[in-house]
């Protein structure tokens, strides 16, 4: 199995038990080689409540940092947008990626910005 297939297998195993509701939507994170994406999803209605990525317009004016600092800024940004959408508690979905590095940086920054999970 390739790495991508292994990650997708882990993702499916995680998603069997993890689901976002209206009270606790799912904060899901995806990383590519260059960028990182995070969104808050209510799975019961199928709506995305908040979204942020390293490609967002808020990043255009700031100096490009390393990938981990970009991940921290994405975590802060998605937490701010989620709080604007009146979401304070979420369920974290690492999307099959190991919980370290950029994935952990997004989670820690979102916690520091006020999201509870």
N, C-alpha and C. Protein backbone atom coordinates (compact mmCIF):
# COMPACT_ATOMS: atom_id res chain seq x y z
N UNK A 1 0.84 -1.19 0.00
CA UNK A 1 0.00 0.00 0.00
C UNK A 1 0.88 1.25 0.00
N UNK A 2 0.46 2.25 -0.73
CA UNK A 2 1.20 3.51 -0.74
C UNK A 2 0.88 4.31 0.52
N UNK A 3 1.62 5.37 0.74
CA UNK A 3 1.39 6.22 1.91
C UNK A 3 0.01 6.85 1.88
N UNK A 4 -0.40 7.27 0.70
CA UNK A 4 -1.72 7.90 0.57
C UNK A 4 -2.82 6.89 0.90
N UNK A 5 -2.69 5.68 0.42
CA UNK A 5 -3.68 4.65 0.72
C UNK A 5 -3.72 4.33 2.21
N UNK A 6 -2.55 4.31 2.85
CA UNK A 6 -2.50 4.06 4.29
C UNK A 6 -3.18 5.18 5.06
N UNK A 7 -2.94 6.44 4.63
CA UNK A 7 -3.56 7.58 5.30
C UNK A 7 -5.08 7.53 5.12
N UNK A 8 -5.54 7.21 3.92
CA UNK A 8 -6.98 7.14 3.69
C UNK A 8 -7.63 6.02 4.48
N UNK A 9 -6.92 4.92 4.67
CA UNK A 9 -7.43 3.84 5.50
C UNK A 9 -7.57 4.30 6.96
N UNK A 10 -6.56 5.01 7.48
CA UNK A 10 -6.65 5.57 8.83
C UNK A 10 -7.78 6.58 8.91
N UNK A 11 -7.92 7.43 7.88
CA UNK A 11 -8.97 8.45 7.86
C UNK A 11 -10.34 7.80 7.96
N UNK A 12 -10.58 6.76 7.17
CA UNK A 12 -11.88 6.08 7.20
C UNK A 12 -12.14 5.43 8.54
N UNK A 13 -11.11 4.87 9.15
CA UNK A 13 -11.26 4.25 10.46
C UNK A 13 -11.62 5.29 11.51
N UNK A 14 -11.02 6.46 11.43
CA UNK A 14 -11.31 7.55 12.37
C UNK A 14 -12.72 8.09 12.15
N UNK A 15 -13.10 8.28 10.87
CA UNK A 15 -14.38 8.89 10.55
C UNK A 15 -15.58 8.00 10.87
N UNK A 16 -15.34 6.70 11.06
CA UNK A 16 -16.44 5.82 11.46
C UNK A 16 -16.99 6.22 12.82
N UNK A 17 -16.13 6.68 13.71
CA UNK A 17 -16.56 7.02 15.07
C UNK A 17 -16.68 8.51 15.30
N UNK A 18 -16.11 9.34 14.44
CA UNK A 18 -16.05 10.78 14.64
C UNK A 18 -17.05 11.47 13.73
N UNK A 19 -17.89 12.33 14.30
CA UNK A 19 -18.86 13.06 13.50
C UNK A 19 -19.12 14.41 14.15
N UNK A 20 -19.33 15.42 13.32
CA UNK A 20 -19.63 16.75 13.81
C UNK A 20 -21.13 16.96 13.91
N UNK A 21 -21.56 17.60 14.98
CA UNK A 21 -22.97 17.90 15.17
C UNK A 21 -23.13 19.42 15.21
N UNK A 22 -24.36 19.87 15.38
CA UNK A 22 -24.61 21.31 15.47
C UNK A 22 -23.99 21.87 16.74
N UNK A 23 -24.00 21.09 17.83
CA UNK A 23 -23.43 21.56 19.09
C UNK A 23 -21.91 21.50 19.07
N UNK A 24 -21.36 20.43 18.47
CA UNK A 24 -19.90 20.24 18.38
C UNK A 24 -19.51 19.87 16.96
N UNK A 25 -19.30 20.87 16.11
CA UNK A 25 -18.89 20.56 14.74
C UNK A 25 -17.47 19.99 14.69
N UNK A 26 -17.11 19.47 13.54
CA UNK A 26 -15.81 18.81 13.36
C UNK A 26 -14.82 19.79 12.75
N UNK A 27 -13.67 19.94 13.42
CA UNK A 27 -12.56 20.74 12.89
C UNK A 27 -11.63 19.77 12.17
N UNK A 28 -11.63 19.83 10.85
CA UNK A 28 -10.83 18.91 10.06
C UNK A 28 -9.65 19.65 9.44
N UNK A 29 -8.51 18.97 9.39
CA UNK A 29 -7.27 19.57 8.90
C UNK A 29 -6.71 18.71 7.78
N UNK A 30 -6.27 19.36 6.71
CA UNK A 30 -5.61 18.67 5.61
C UNK A 30 -4.33 19.40 5.30
N UNK A 31 -3.27 18.66 5.04
CA UNK A 31 -2.01 19.29 4.67
C UNK A 31 -1.52 18.71 3.36
N UNK A 32 -1.03 19.60 2.51
CA UNK A 32 -0.35 19.17 1.29
C UNK A 32 1.13 19.47 1.50
N UNK A 33 1.92 19.29 0.48
CA UNK A 33 3.34 19.55 0.64
C UNK A 33 3.64 21.02 0.89
N UNK A 34 2.85 21.93 0.31
CA UNK A 34 3.11 23.36 0.45
C UNK A 34 2.15 24.08 1.38
N UNK A 35 0.90 23.63 1.46
CA UNK A 35 -0.13 24.40 2.15
C UNK A 35 -0.84 23.55 3.20
N UNK A 36 -1.63 24.24 4.04
CA UNK A 36 -2.43 23.57 5.06
C UNK A 36 -3.82 24.20 5.06
N UNK A 37 -4.83 23.37 5.25
CA UNK A 37 -6.22 23.79 5.18
C UNK A 37 -6.94 23.30 6.44
N UNK A 38 -7.86 24.12 6.96
CA UNK A 38 -8.66 23.72 8.11
C UNK A 38 -10.07 24.23 7.91
N UNK A 39 -11.04 23.41 8.28
CA UNK A 39 -12.42 23.84 8.19
C UNK A 39 -13.25 23.25 9.32
N UNK A 40 -14.28 23.97 9.70
CA UNK A 40 -15.20 23.54 10.74
C UNK A 40 -16.49 23.12 10.03
N UNK A 41 -16.87 21.84 10.19
CA UNK A 41 -17.97 21.27 9.42
C UNK A 41 -19.04 20.73 10.36
N UNK A 42 -20.30 21.05 10.07
CA UNK A 42 -21.44 20.45 10.75
C UNK A 42 -21.91 19.30 9.86
N UNK A 43 -21.60 18.06 10.25
CA UNK A 43 -21.91 16.90 9.43
C UNK A 43 -23.41 16.60 9.38
N UNK A 44 -24.16 17.00 10.39
CA UNK A 44 -25.59 16.69 10.40
C UNK A 44 -26.33 17.48 9.32
N UNK A 45 -25.89 18.71 9.04
CA UNK A 45 -26.53 19.50 7.99
C UNK A 45 -25.67 19.57 6.73
N UNK A 46 -24.41 19.10 6.81
CA UNK A 46 -23.53 19.11 5.64
C UNK A 46 -23.02 20.49 5.28
N UNK A 47 -22.87 21.37 6.27
CA UNK A 47 -22.44 22.75 6.02
C UNK A 47 -21.05 23.00 6.59
N UNK A 48 -20.27 23.80 5.87
CA UNK A 48 -19.00 24.29 6.37
C UNK A 48 -19.25 25.61 7.08
N UNK A 49 -18.90 25.69 8.36
CA UNK A 49 -19.18 26.88 9.16
C UNK A 49 -18.03 27.88 9.12
N UNK A 50 -16.80 27.39 9.01
CA UNK A 50 -15.63 28.27 8.96
C UNK A 50 -14.53 27.57 8.18
N UNK A 51 -13.71 28.36 7.50
CA UNK A 51 -12.65 27.81 6.68
C UNK A 51 -11.45 28.74 6.70
N UNK A 52 -10.26 28.17 6.76
CA UNK A 52 -9.03 28.95 6.65
C UNK A 52 -7.95 28.08 6.04
N UNK A 53 -7.05 28.69 5.32
CA UNK A 53 -5.93 27.96 4.74
C UNK A 53 -4.75 28.90 4.59
N UNK A 54 -3.62 28.33 4.24
CA UNK A 54 -2.44 29.16 4.01
C UNK A 54 -2.55 29.90 2.69
N UNK A 55 -3.61 29.67 1.94
CA UNK A 55 -3.88 30.41 0.70
C UNK A 55 -4.93 31.49 0.90
N UNK A 56 -5.44 31.68 2.12
CA UNK A 56 -6.48 32.65 2.40
C UNK A 56 -5.99 34.07 2.13
N UNK A 57 -6.94 34.96 1.87
CA UNK A 57 -6.57 36.34 1.57
C UNK A 57 -5.93 37.05 2.76
N UNK A 58 -6.19 36.57 3.97
CA UNK A 58 -5.56 37.16 5.15
C UNK A 58 -4.05 36.94 5.18
N UNK A 59 -3.57 35.96 4.44
CA UNK A 59 -2.14 35.64 4.39
C UNK A 59 -1.40 36.44 3.33
N UNK A 60 -2.12 37.11 2.44
CA UNK A 60 -1.48 37.81 1.34
C UNK A 60 -0.58 38.96 1.82
N UNK A 61 -0.99 39.67 2.86
CA UNK A 61 -0.23 40.82 3.34
C UNK A 61 0.91 40.45 4.26
N UNK A 62 0.85 39.27 4.86
CA UNK A 62 1.88 38.89 5.82
C UNK A 62 3.07 38.25 5.11
N UNK A 63 4.21 38.34 5.75
CA UNK A 63 5.41 37.71 5.20
C UNK A 63 5.27 36.20 5.28
N UNK A 64 5.77 35.53 4.27
CA UNK A 64 5.71 34.07 4.27
C UNK A 64 6.71 33.52 5.28
N UNK A 65 6.23 32.69 6.18
CA UNK A 65 7.10 32.07 7.18
C UNK A 65 7.34 30.63 6.82
N UNK A 66 7.81 29.88 7.78
CA UNK A 66 7.97 28.45 7.53
C UNK A 66 6.60 27.77 7.65
N UNK A 67 6.53 26.51 7.30
CA UNK A 67 5.25 25.80 7.24
C UNK A 67 4.58 25.69 8.61
N UNK A 68 5.38 25.52 9.66
CA UNK A 68 4.80 25.35 10.99
C UNK A 68 4.19 26.66 11.49
N UNK A 69 4.84 27.78 11.24
CA UNK A 69 4.26 29.06 11.65
C UNK A 69 3.02 29.38 10.83
N UNK A 70 3.01 28.99 9.55
CA UNK A 70 1.81 29.15 8.74
C UNK A 70 0.67 28.31 9.32
N UNK A 71 0.98 27.10 9.79
CA UNK A 71 -0.03 26.24 10.38
C UNK A 71 -0.61 26.87 11.64
N UNK A 72 0.24 27.51 12.44
CA UNK A 72 -0.25 28.19 13.64
C UNK A 72 -1.19 29.33 13.28
N UNK A 73 -0.84 30.09 12.25
CA UNK A 73 -1.71 31.19 11.83
C UNK A 73 -3.04 30.67 11.28
N UNK A 74 -3.00 29.54 10.58
CA UNK A 74 -4.25 28.94 10.09
C UNK A 74 -5.12 28.51 11.27
N UNK A 75 -4.52 27.93 12.30
CA UNK A 75 -5.27 27.54 13.49
C UNK A 75 -5.92 28.73 14.18
N UNK A 76 -5.19 29.82 14.31
CA UNK A 76 -5.75 31.02 14.91
C UNK A 76 -6.88 31.59 14.06
N UNK A 77 -6.66 31.61 12.75
CA UNK A 77 -7.65 32.18 11.85
C UNK A 77 -8.95 31.37 11.82
N UNK A 78 -8.83 30.05 11.78
CA UNK A 78 -10.04 29.22 11.76
C UNK A 78 -10.78 29.32 13.09
N UNK A 79 -10.05 29.47 14.19
CA UNK A 79 -10.69 29.64 15.50
C UNK A 79 -11.45 30.96 15.57
N UNK A 80 -10.86 32.03 15.04
CA UNK A 80 -11.54 33.33 15.03
C UNK A 80 -12.81 33.27 14.19
N UNK A 81 -12.72 32.63 13.01
CA UNK A 81 -13.90 32.53 12.15
C UNK A 81 -14.96 31.64 12.77
N UNK A 82 -14.55 30.59 13.47
CA UNK A 82 -15.52 29.71 14.13
C UNK A 82 -16.22 30.45 15.27
N UNK A 83 -15.47 31.23 16.02
CA UNK A 83 -16.08 31.99 17.10
C UNK A 83 -17.03 33.04 16.55
N UNK A 84 -16.72 33.60 15.38
CA UNK A 84 -17.64 34.54 14.73
C UNK A 84 -18.92 33.85 14.30
N UNK A 85 -18.83 32.55 14.01
CA UNK A 85 -20.01 31.75 13.65
C UNK A 85 -20.67 31.14 14.89
N UNK A 86 -20.27 31.61 16.08
CA UNK A 86 -20.84 31.18 17.36
C UNK A 86 -20.55 29.71 17.66
N UNK A 87 -19.34 29.25 17.32
CA UNK A 87 -18.90 27.90 17.62
C UNK A 87 -17.73 28.00 18.60
N UNK A 88 -17.87 27.36 19.77
CA UNK A 88 -16.78 27.39 20.74
C UNK A 88 -16.23 26.00 21.03
N UNK A 89 -17.04 24.96 20.81
CA UNK A 89 -16.61 23.59 21.08
C UNK A 89 -16.61 22.80 19.78
N UNK A 90 -15.51 22.09 19.52
CA UNK A 90 -15.40 21.31 18.29
C UNK A 90 -14.83 19.93 18.60
N UNK A 91 -14.90 19.05 17.62
CA UNK A 91 -14.26 17.74 17.65
C UNK A 91 -13.13 17.80 16.64
N UNK A 92 -11.91 17.41 17.03
CA UNK A 92 -10.76 17.53 16.14
C UNK A 92 -10.61 16.29 15.27
N UNK A 93 -10.49 16.50 13.97
CA UNK A 93 -10.31 15.42 13.00
C UNK A 93 -8.96 15.64 12.32
N UNK A 94 -7.99 14.76 12.60
CA UNK A 94 -6.66 14.91 12.04
C UNK A 94 -6.55 14.34 10.64
N UNK A 95 -7.66 13.78 10.13
CA UNK A 95 -7.76 13.36 8.74
C UNK A 95 -6.78 12.26 8.36
N UNK A 96 -6.39 11.44 9.32
CA UNK A 96 -5.48 10.33 9.05
C UNK A 96 -4.02 10.68 9.17
N UNK A 97 -3.70 11.96 9.37
CA UNK A 97 -2.31 12.37 9.53
C UNK A 97 -1.86 12.14 10.97
N UNK A 98 -0.58 11.88 11.20
CA UNK A 98 -0.08 11.75 12.58
C UNK A 98 -0.22 13.08 13.33
N UNK A 99 -0.53 13.01 14.62
CA UNK A 99 -0.72 14.22 15.41
C UNK A 99 0.64 14.73 15.89
N UNK A 100 1.35 15.39 15.02
CA UNK A 100 2.58 16.09 15.38
C UNK A 100 2.89 17.08 14.27
N UNK A 101 3.85 17.94 14.49
CA UNK A 101 4.24 18.89 13.46
C UNK A 101 3.16 19.90 13.16
N UNK A 102 2.84 20.04 11.87
CA UNK A 102 1.88 21.05 11.44
C UNK A 102 0.45 20.77 11.91
N UNK A 103 0.07 19.50 12.00
CA UNK A 103 -1.28 19.16 12.46
C UNK A 103 -1.44 19.57 13.93
N UNK A 104 -0.45 19.26 14.75
CA UNK A 104 -0.49 19.63 16.16
C UNK A 104 -0.42 21.15 16.32
N UNK A 105 0.31 21.84 15.45
CA UNK A 105 0.41 23.30 15.52
C UNK A 105 -0.95 23.95 15.27
N UNK A 106 -1.71 23.43 14.32
CA UNK A 106 -3.05 23.96 14.06
C UNK A 106 -3.93 23.75 15.29
N UNK A 107 -3.88 22.56 15.88
CA UNK A 107 -4.72 22.25 17.04
C UNK A 107 -4.36 23.13 18.23
N UNK A 108 -3.08 23.28 18.51
CA UNK A 108 -2.66 24.09 19.66
C UNK A 108 -3.03 25.56 19.47
N UNK A 109 -2.85 26.09 18.25
CA UNK A 109 -3.18 27.48 17.99
C UNK A 109 -4.69 27.71 18.09
N UNK A 110 -5.48 26.75 17.65
CA UNK A 110 -6.94 26.88 17.76
C UNK A 110 -7.37 26.85 19.22
N UNK A 111 -6.72 26.00 20.03
CA UNK A 111 -7.02 25.97 21.47
C UNK A 111 -6.67 27.29 22.12
N UNK A 112 -5.49 27.83 21.79
CA UNK A 112 -5.07 29.11 22.37
C UNK A 112 -5.98 30.25 21.96
N UNK A 113 -6.56 30.15 20.77
CA UNK A 113 -7.46 31.20 20.28
C UNK A 113 -8.87 31.08 20.84
N UNK A 114 -9.14 30.01 21.61
CA UNK A 114 -10.41 29.94 22.30
C UNK A 114 -11.31 28.78 21.94
N UNK A 115 -10.94 27.93 21.01
CA UNK A 115 -11.76 26.76 20.71
C UNK A 115 -11.51 25.69 21.76
N UNK A 116 -12.56 24.97 22.11
CA UNK A 116 -12.46 23.93 23.14
C UNK A 116 -12.66 22.56 22.49
N UNK A 117 -11.65 21.68 22.65
CA UNK A 117 -11.77 20.30 22.18
C UNK A 117 -10.79 19.41 22.88
